[in-house]
């Protein structure tokens, strides 16, 4: 089953900013109970600088987190972005962590769900991130860029992939230290359908 690696262009930069702002906080910090959207992170509903960050819903292990976009002057633009977020770690190596962010975008009258996988630096980039659902291979998400803190893989989640995640119990994202040496990162799919429906409302 394919994962489309070409996200919509109109909203790609905005959604990239959403993923980057999460990533700069550090993946480990995102596993706390507070929303983590980079240096603007704070408690739900708290004003951080000119921006308001909040967790608007929780379904199972999934959180719906929203923030207001900022212009070049640092002031809110009135554009709001929300994402489904879940963080996890490797069972044998807790220092190896991963965050998945799902963001809804619109381009040319088409609505799609884009998948952002945020992984530690030092991963083997050519293999991307492999995705399994309930033990069945689904596809790979290609890495697109790294920052000093993390590396990120972006792809559109195809309707087929979303359908499998809605019906599934567990997703397994596999990052690689080297060719053939994978680190499985398991995420719960409990509450996935409800969280995806909540994302459509925001």
Protein backbone atom coordinates (compact mmCIF):
# COMPACT_ATOMS: atom_id res chain seq x y z
CA UNK A 1 0.00 0.00 0.00
CA UNK A 2 1.49 3.30 -1.04
CA UNK A 3 2.21 6.44 0.93
CA UNK A 4 2.15 9.49 -1.31
CA UNK A 5 5.40 11.42 -0.76
CA UNK A 6 4.21 14.64 -2.40
CA UNK A 7 2.31 16.84 0.10
CA UNK A 8 0.04 19.65 -1.11
CA UNK A 9 1.92 22.76 -2.12
CA UNK A 10 -0.39 25.53 -0.95
CA UNK A 11 -0.17 24.66 2.73
CA UNK A 12 3.11 22.76 2.77
CA UNK A 13 5.23 25.60 4.19
CA UNK A 14 2.70 26.33 6.92
CA UNK A 15 2.49 22.66 7.92
CA UNK A 16 6.26 22.38 7.77
CA UNK A 17 6.42 25.22 10.27
CA UNK A 18 4.04 23.33 12.52
CA UNK A 19 6.24 20.23 12.46
CA UNK A 20 9.43 22.24 12.91
CA UNK A 21 8.05 24.11 15.90
CA UNK A 22 7.21 20.82 17.58
CA UNK A 23 10.61 19.39 16.76
CA UNK A 24 12.63 22.24 18.23
CA UNK A 25 11.21 21.48 21.68
CA UNK A 26 12.87 18.07 21.59
CA UNK A 27 11.07 14.78 21.14
CA UNK A 28 11.61 13.68 24.72
CA UNK A 29 9.96 16.83 26.05
CA UNK A 30 6.91 16.10 23.92
CA UNK A 31 6.25 12.99 25.98
CA UNK A 32 5.21 15.10 28.97
CA UNK A 33 1.63 16.14 29.69
CA UNK A 34 2.19 19.71 28.48
CA UNK A 35 1.74 20.68 24.84
CA UNK A 36 5.10 21.08 23.16
CA UNK A 37 5.28 23.46 20.23
CA UNK A 38 8.89 24.56 20.31
CA UNK A 39 10.05 27.63 22.21
CA UNK A 40 6.44 28.83 22.35
CA UNK A 41 5.39 25.77 24.36
CA UNK A 42 3.30 26.35 27.46
CA UNK A 43 0.28 25.17 29.35
CA UNK A 44 -3.01 24.74 27.48
CA UNK A 45 -4.50 28.10 26.69
CA UNK A 46 -1.44 30.00 27.93
CA UNK A 47 -0.24 33.00 26.01
CA UNK A 48 3.40 32.50 24.98
CA UNK A 49 4.64 35.72 23.49
CA UNK A 50 2.07 36.68 20.86
CA UNK A 51 0.92 33.13 20.20
CA UNK A 52 -1.65 30.93 21.90
CA UNK A 53 -0.93 27.22 22.13
CA UNK A 54 -3.44 24.67 23.32
CA UNK A 55 -4.38 21.01 23.43
CA UNK A 56 -7.97 20.97 22.21
CA UNK A 57 -8.70 17.24 22.51
CA UNK A 58 -7.22 13.91 23.58
CA UNK A 59 -8.25 10.51 22.21
CA UNK A 60 -6.29 7.55 23.53
CA UNK A 61 -2.60 8.43 23.11
CA UNK A 62 -3.39 11.06 20.47
CA UNK A 63 -3.46 14.77 21.23
CA UNK A 64 -4.93 17.46 18.98
CA UNK A 65 -2.66 20.49 19.39
CA UNK A 66 -3.26 23.87 17.79
CA UNK A 67 -1.29 27.07 17.43
CA UNK A 68 -1.69 30.38 15.63
CA UNK A 69 0.70 31.11 12.77
CA UNK A 70 3.06 34.07 13.16
CA UNK A 71 4.17 36.49 10.48
CA UNK A 72 7.72 37.70 9.92
CA UNK A 73 7.12 40.37 12.55
CA UNK A 74 6.29 37.69 15.10
CA UNK A 75 2.65 38.73 15.34
CA UNK A 76 -0.27 36.31 14.82
CA UNK A 77 -1.57 36.16 11.25
CA UNK A 78 -5.00 34.84 12.21
CA UNK A 79 -4.24 31.51 10.53
CA UNK A 80 -4.59 28.53 12.84
CA UNK A 81 -2.92 25.16 12.40
CA UNK A 82 -3.75 21.95 14.24
CA UNK A 83 -2.12 18.55 14.25
CA UNK A 84 -2.63 15.06 15.65
CA UNK A 85 0.40 14.24 17.75
CA UNK A 86 1.74 11.09 19.40
CA UNK A 87 5.27 10.48 20.68
CA UNK A 88 6.90 7.13 21.39
CA UNK A 89 10.25 5.47 22.00
CA UNK A 90 12.04 2.24 21.23
CA UNK A 91 11.29 -0.41 23.85
CA UNK A 92 14.94 -1.52 24.18
CA UNK A 93 16.53 1.90 23.78
CA UNK A 94 14.39 4.62 25.43
CA UNK A 95 16.78 7.29 24.14
CA UNK A 96 15.63 6.49 20.60
CA UNK A 97 12.41 8.46 20.24
CA UNK A 98 9.98 9.35 17.50
CA UNK A 99 7.04 11.71 17.07
CA UNK A 100 4.25 11.45 14.51
CA UNK A 101 2.30 14.56 13.49
CA UNK A 102 -0.68 14.39 11.14
CA UNK A 103 -1.82 17.67 9.58
CA UNK A 104 -4.76 18.35 7.26
CA UNK A 105 -4.00 20.52 4.20
CA UNK A 106 -5.93 21.84 1.23
CA UNK A 107 -4.53 22.28 -2.26
CA UNK A 108 -6.42 22.81 -5.53
CA UNK A 109 -9.77 21.92 -3.95
CA UNK A 110 -8.25 18.72 -2.56
CA UNK A 111 -8.10 17.97 1.14
CA UNK A 112 -5.41 15.59 2.30
CA UNK A 113 -3.69 14.39 5.46
CA UNK A 114 0.06 14.91 5.55
CA UNK A 115 2.27 12.78 7.77
CA UNK A 116 5.30 14.23 9.56
CA UNK A 117 7.65 11.75 11.20
CA UNK A 118 10.16 13.42 13.51
CA UNK A 119 13.16 11.21 14.33
CA UNK A 120 16.53 11.66 16.06
CA UNK A 121 19.56 12.88 14.19
CA UNK A 122 22.02 10.19 13.19
CA UNK A 123 19.43 7.99 11.48
CA UNK A 124 20.29 6.30 8.18
CA UNK A 125 18.54 8.62 5.73
CA UNK A 126 18.38 6.64 2.43
CA UNK A 127 15.96 4.01 3.77
CA UNK A 128 13.47 6.54 5.13
CA UNK A 129 11.00 5.39 7.79
CA UNK A 130 9.21 2.09 7.25
CA UNK A 131 5.58 1.81 8.35
CA UNK A 132 3.80 -1.35 9.45
CA UNK A 133 0.25 -1.65 10.73
CA UNK A 134 -0.53 -4.70 12.85
CA UNK A 135 2.57 -6.41 11.46
CA UNK A 136 1.78 -5.76 7.79
CA UNK A 137 4.07 -3.57 5.68
CA UNK A 138 2.38 -0.40 4.39
CA UNK A 139 5.15 1.71 2.86
CA UNK A 140 7.98 4.12 3.58
CA UNK A 141 8.12 7.80 4.45
CA UNK A 142 11.17 9.53 2.91
CA UNK A 143 13.37 11.85 4.95
CA UNK A 144 13.33 15.38 3.58
CA UNK A 145 15.44 17.46 5.95
CA UNK A 146 17.37 17.54 9.22
CA UNK A 147 17.85 20.31 11.76
CA UNK A 148 20.55 20.33 14.46
CA UNK A 149 18.04 18.56 16.75
CA UNK A 150 16.02 16.14 14.59
CA UNK A 151 15.44 14.67 11.15
CA UNK A 152 12.02 14.76 9.51
CA UNK A 153 10.27 12.54 7.01
CA UNK A 154 7.22 13.93 5.15
CA UNK A 155 4.55 12.20 3.10
CA UNK A 156 0.88 12.35 2.28
CA UNK A 157 -1.08 9.62 4.04
CA UNK A 158 -3.10 7.98 1.30
CA UNK A 159 -6.79 7.13 1.91
CA UNK A 160 -5.79 3.46 1.94
CA UNK A 161 -3.20 4.06 4.65
CA UNK A 162 -5.65 6.08 6.75
CA UNK A 163 -8.25 3.33 6.42
CA UNK A 164 -5.74 0.78 7.70
CA UNK A 165 -4.82 3.02 10.63
CA UNK A 166 -8.49 3.49 11.52
CA UNK A 167 -9.04 -0.27 11.64
CA UNK A 168 -5.68 -1.17 13.17
CA UNK A 169 -4.51 -1.58 16.75
CA UNK A 170 -0.84 -0.64 16.46
CA UNK A 171 1.39 1.23 14.04
CA UNK A 172 5.10 0.46 13.92
CA UNK A 173 7.43 3.09 12.48
CA UNK A 174 10.91 1.70 11.89
CA UNK A 175 13.92 4.01 11.70
CA UNK A 176 17.34 2.66 10.74
CA UNK A 177 20.74 3.11 12.38
CA UNK A 178 22.37 1.50 9.33
CA UNK A 179 21.24 -0.66 6.40
CA UNK A 180 19.31 -3.58 7.85
CA UNK A 181 19.53 -2.34 11.44
CA UNK A 182 16.09 -1.07 12.33
CA UNK A 183 14.67 0.42 15.51
CA UNK A 184 10.91 -0.20 15.82
CA UNK A 185 8.81 2.60 17.27
CA UNK A 186 5.32 1.44 18.21
CA UNK A 187 2.35 3.81 18.39
CA UNK A 188 -1.11 2.99 19.63
CA UNK A 189 -3.94 3.39 17.14
CA UNK A 190 -6.55 3.48 19.89
CA UNK A 191 -8.58 6.64 19.40
CA UNK A 192 -7.13 7.26 15.93
CA UNK A 193 -10.50 7.53 14.18
CA UNK A 194 -11.88 9.85 16.85
CA UNK A 195 -8.77 12.04 16.76
CA UNK A 196 -8.88 12.23 12.96
CA UNK A 197 -12.52 13.30 13.15
CA UNK A 198 -11.58 15.93 15.73
CA UNK A 199 -8.84 17.21 13.44
CA UNK A 200 -11.47 17.83 10.75
CA UNK A 201 -13.28 20.18 13.14
CA UNK A 202 -10.26 22.42 13.76
